[in-house]
Amino acid sequence: MVDITRKQHWEHAYETKASDAVSWYQRRPDVSLSMIRDAGLPLEAPLIDVGGGASTLIDALLDEGRDDLSVLDISSAALSTAQERLGSLASRVDWIVADVLGFAPSKRYALWHDRAVFHFLVDAHDRKLYLETLQRSLLPDGQMVIATFAEDGPESCSGLPVARYGVASLQAIFGAAFGLVESTRETHHTPGGAEQHFTYARLQRI
C-alpha cells in the first residue's frame, strides 16, 4: 500500500522544482556507476534503481549497453521527467510507480541500487519492510549498491528528517543477510553550493 502523505510530498517536490535544481541532483553519478561496474555483472543482468526518480543514472547505464533496467519511484512526476529526457530510449526501461515498502516485484534482480530512499526510513518498522522487500526482490546471489547520508551528513533533506550511517552501522542493519564487498565516501555538491557527505557500500547477498 502506498503511503499517501509520502507520495504527495514527493509528487510536490518534483512538480515544483526542476530536476536539476533539487539538492540530490547529480549530473553524472560516478560513484554509483563505479560500484555497479565493480559488481561484474553481464550487460543483460536485471538491475533496479530504487527511488531513481529523475536521476541520470539510468541514462548512463543505457549508454553502457545494459538492457534489463527498471526504475522504481513513488513519484510519477519524477519518472515522467526521466522518460521525457530519454525520449525514445525510455521504452527500453521498465518504469514502476510504487512505494518500495509495499513493492511486489514481478521478477528478481541481480543488483539493487538505492541512493534516495533508505536514509529517509527513520522508523524501525519501515526499515524492516524495506529489508523484506529487498530480500524478495534480489536473486540468491544478488548485490546491492546503497548510498545514504553519512554520519556527518545533513540531518534532513527535502524538509524530512533522515537517518545517517557509516559503514559499520549499515553493516549492522544488513549484515545478517549481506556481506560487505566495498565501501567509500562521497562529498556531494548540491546545485545550491552546499556540501553533503554520503556513505556508499556494495554488499553481496549471503
Protein backbone atom coordinates (compact mmCIF):
# COMPACT_ATOMS: atom_id res chain seq x y z
CA MET A 1 0.00 0.00 0.00
CA VAL A 2 1.27 3.48 -0.85
CA ASP A 3 1.63 6.00 1.96
CA ILE A 4 -0.45 8.85 0.51
CA THR A 5 1.28 11.50 2.62
CA ARG A 6 4.72 10.35 1.48
CA LYS A 7 3.56 10.14 -2.13
CA GLN A 8 2.08 13.63 -2.03
CA HIS A 9 5.32 15.01 -0.59
CA TRP A 10 7.46 13.65 -3.43
CA GLU A 11 4.98 14.46 -6.17
CA HIS A 12 5.02 18.06 -4.93
CA ALA A 13 8.83 18.10 -4.78
CA TYR A 14 9.16 17.08 -8.43
CA GLU A 15 6.25 19.17 -9.69
CA THR A 16 7.56 22.41 -8.15
CA LYS A 17 11.32 22.16 -8.84
CA ALA A 18 13.34 21.44 -11.94
CA SER A 19 15.03 18.05 -11.81
CA ASP A 20 18.48 19.68 -11.93
CA ALA A 21 17.63 22.11 -9.10
CA VAL A 22 16.83 19.61 -6.33
CA SER A 23 19.55 19.10 -3.74
CA TRP A 24 20.18 15.48 -4.68
CA TYR A 25 20.80 16.16 -8.39
CA GLN A 26 23.97 14.72 -9.89
CA ARG A 27 25.00 15.49 -13.45
CA ARG A 28 26.74 12.12 -13.56
CA PRO A 29 26.53 9.61 -10.67
CA ASP A 30 30.13 8.44 -10.91
CA VAL A 31 30.40 6.60 -7.57
CA SER A 32 27.25 4.58 -8.21
CA LEU A 33 28.42 3.75 -11.73
CA SER A 34 31.82 2.64 -10.47
CA MET A 35 30.32 0.30 -7.89
CA ILE A 36 27.84 -1.13 -10.39
CA ARG A 37 30.72 -1.85 -12.76
CA ASP A 38 32.70 -3.41 -9.91
CA ALA A 39 29.82 -5.84 -9.35
CA GLY A 40 30.99 -7.56 -12.54
CA LEU A 41 27.53 -8.33 -13.88
CA PRO A 42 26.86 -9.10 -17.54
CA LEU A 43 25.12 -6.38 -19.53
CA GLU A 44 21.91 -8.41 -19.67
CA ALA A 45 21.67 -8.80 -15.86
CA PRO A 46 18.47 -7.27 -14.42
CA LEU A 47 19.13 -4.08 -12.41
CA ILE A 48 16.71 -1.89 -10.47
CA ASP A 49 17.24 1.70 -9.32
CA VAL A 50 15.05 2.22 -6.25
CA GLY A 51 13.92 5.77 -5.70
CA GLY A 52 15.54 6.56 -9.02
CA GLY A 53 13.16 9.42 -9.75
CA ALA A 54 14.61 11.70 -12.41
CA SER A 55 18.19 10.55 -11.77
CA THR A 56 20.63 10.43 -14.68
CA LEU A 57 21.91 7.02 -13.56
CA ILE A 58 19.58 5.27 -15.96
CA ASP A 59 20.91 7.34 -18.88
CA ALA A 60 24.46 6.27 -18.10
CA LEU A 61 23.50 2.59 -17.70
CA LEU A 62 21.76 2.66 -21.07
CA ASP A 63 24.88 4.27 -22.58
CA GLU A 64 26.92 1.35 -21.24
CA GLY A 65 24.72 -1.10 -23.10
CA ARG A 66 22.67 -2.50 -20.23
CA ASP A 67 19.33 -3.74 -21.48
CA ASP A 68 17.36 -5.04 -18.46
CA LEU A 69 16.78 -1.92 -16.39
CA SER A 70 14.00 -0.91 -14.03
CA VAL A 71 13.43 2.35 -12.17
CA LEU A 72 11.10 2.45 -9.19
CA ASP A 73 9.84 5.65 -7.60
CA ILE A 74 6.85 6.73 -5.55
CA SER A 75 6.52 9.87 -7.71
CA SER A 76 5.02 9.53 -11.17
CA ALA A 77 6.11 13.12 -11.86
CA ALA A 78 9.74 12.15 -11.28
CA LEU A 79 9.55 9.19 -13.62
CA SER A 80 7.80 11.28 -16.28
CA THR A 81 10.69 13.75 -16.16
CA ALA A 82 13.20 10.96 -16.78
CA GLN A 83 11.09 9.49 -19.57
CA GLU A 84 10.80 12.84 -21.34
CA ARG A 85 14.56 13.38 -21.06
CA LEU A 86 15.32 9.96 -22.55
CA GLY A 87 12.83 10.22 -25.39
CA SER A 88 12.64 7.03 -27.45
CA LEU A 89 15.20 5.33 -25.17
CA ALA A 90 12.63 5.36 -22.36
CA SER A 91 10.89 2.37 -23.97
CA ARG A 92 13.91 0.25 -23.03
CA VAL A 93 13.28 0.76 -19.32
CA ASP A 94 10.63 -0.71 -17.00
CA TRP A 95 9.17 2.28 -15.11
CA ILE A 96 7.49 1.35 -11.83
CA VAL A 97 5.39 3.79 -9.80
CA ALA A 98 5.32 2.28 -6.31
CA ASP A 99 6.24 2.77 -2.68
CA VAL A 100 9.20 0.47 -2.12
CA LEU A 101 7.82 -0.58 1.27
CA GLY A 102 4.92 -2.33 -0.44
CA PHE A 103 6.61 -3.25 -3.70
CA ALA A 104 5.72 -6.70 -5.05
CA PRO A 105 8.32 -7.45 -7.75
CA SER A 106 7.28 -9.34 -10.87
CA LYS A 107 10.83 -10.68 -11.21
CA ARG A 108 14.07 -10.82 -9.25
CA TYR A 109 17.08 -8.60 -9.81
CA ALA A 110 20.82 -9.18 -9.90
CA LEU A 111 21.51 -5.71 -8.48
CA TRP A 112 19.52 -3.26 -6.37
CA HIS A 113 20.68 0.37 -6.34
CA ASP A 114 19.44 2.93 -3.81
CA ARG A 115 20.81 6.43 -3.32
CA ALA A 116 17.49 8.02 -2.46
CA VAL A 117 15.27 6.00 -0.15
CA PHE A 118 16.86 4.20 2.77
CA HIS A 119 18.08 7.21 4.75
CA PHE A 120 14.51 8.57 4.84
CA LEU A 121 13.35 5.49 6.75
CA VAL A 122 13.75 6.78 10.29
CA ASP A 123 11.18 4.33 11.69
CA ALA A 124 12.40 0.83 12.56
CA HIS A 125 9.23 -0.76 11.19
CA ASP A 126 9.77 0.93 7.81
CA ARG A 127 13.35 -0.33 7.71
CA LYS A 128 12.05 -3.86 8.40
CA LEU A 129 9.60 -3.57 5.49
CA TYR A 130 12.41 -2.32 3.26
CA LEU A 131 14.59 -5.32 4.14
CA GLU A 132 11.72 -7.69 3.42
CA THR A 133 11.16 -6.07 0.01
CA LEU A 134 14.88 -6.19 -0.74
CA GLN A 135 15.14 -9.89 0.06
CA ARG A 136 12.16 -10.89 -2.07
CA SER A 137 13.42 -8.72 -4.95
CA LEU A 138 17.03 -9.91 -5.19
CA LEU A 139 18.35 -13.10 -6.75
CA PRO A 140 20.04 -15.52 -4.31
CA ASP A 141 23.49 -14.20 -5.27
CA GLY A 142 22.28 -10.64 -5.84
CA GLN A 143 24.13 -7.49 -4.89
CA MET A 144 23.08 -4.09 -3.65
CA VAL A 145 24.69 -0.68 -4.00
CA ILE A 146 23.39 1.63 -1.32
CA ALA A 147 24.20 5.25 -0.59
CA THR A 148 22.99 7.12 2.48
CA PHE A 149 23.81 10.34 4.22
CA ALA A 150 26.99 9.81 6.19
CA GLU A 151 27.27 10.26 9.95
CA ASP A 152 28.46 13.82 9.32
CA GLY A 153 25.88 14.41 6.59
CA PRO A 154 22.74 16.55 6.79
CA GLU A 155 20.09 15.81 9.40
CA SER A 156 17.22 16.49 6.99
CA CYS A 157 16.51 16.59 3.26
CA SER A 158 13.55 17.98 1.34
CA GLY A 159 12.04 19.04 4.65
CA LEU A 160 12.11 15.50 6.07
CA PRO A 161 14.27 14.00 8.83
CA VAL A 162 16.84 11.42 7.77
CA ALA A 163 18.93 8.71 9.40
CA ARG A 164 22.70 8.93 8.93
CA TYR A 165 25.04 5.98 8.54
CA GLY A 166 28.64 4.94 8.45
CA VAL A 167 29.79 1.63 7.01
CA ALA A 168 29.59 -0.10 10.40
CA SER A 169 26.02 0.99 11.07
CA LEU A 170 24.94 -0.10 7.58
CA GLN A 171 26.56 -3.48 8.19
CA ALA A 172 24.68 -3.74 11.48
CA ILE A 173 21.39 -3.44 9.59
CA PHE A 174 22.15 -5.58 6.53
CA GLY A 175 24.90 -7.81 7.90
CA ALA A 176 22.80 -10.86 8.73
CA ALA A 177 21.86 -11.34 5.08
CA PHE A 178 24.62 -9.47 3.22
CA GLY A 179 28.39 -9.32 3.25
CA LEU A 180 30.23 -6.06 2.66
CA VAL A 181 32.31 -6.06 -0.54
CA GLU A 182 33.43 -2.43 -0.78
CA SER A 183 32.64 0.99 0.60
CA THR A 184 33.58 4.63 0.13
CA ARG A 185 32.55 8.18 0.97
CA GLU A 186 31.48 10.96 -1.34
CA THR A 187 31.16 14.70 -0.85
CA HIS A 188 28.18 15.71 -2.94
CA HIS A 189 27.91 19.33 -4.05
CA THR A 190 24.29 20.39 -4.35
CA PRO A 191 23.08 22.75 -7.11
CA GLY A 192 22.82 25.40 -4.38
CA GLY A 193 26.51 25.04 -3.48
CA ALA A 194 26.19 23.10 -0.21
CA GLU A 195 28.25 20.03 0.65
CA GLN A 196 26.61 16.76 1.67
CA HIS A 197 28.59 13.74 2.85
CA PHE A 198 27.44 10.29 1.72
CA THR A 199 28.39 6.73 2.68
CA TYR A 200 28.38 4.20 -0.17
CA ALA A 201 28.52 0.42 0.19
CA ARG A 202 28.28 -2.55 -2.13
CA LEU A 203 27.01 -5.69 -0.46
CA GLN A 204 26.59 -9.27 -1.68
CA ARG A 205 23.71 -11.45 -0.59
CA ILE A 206 24.91 -14.34 1.55
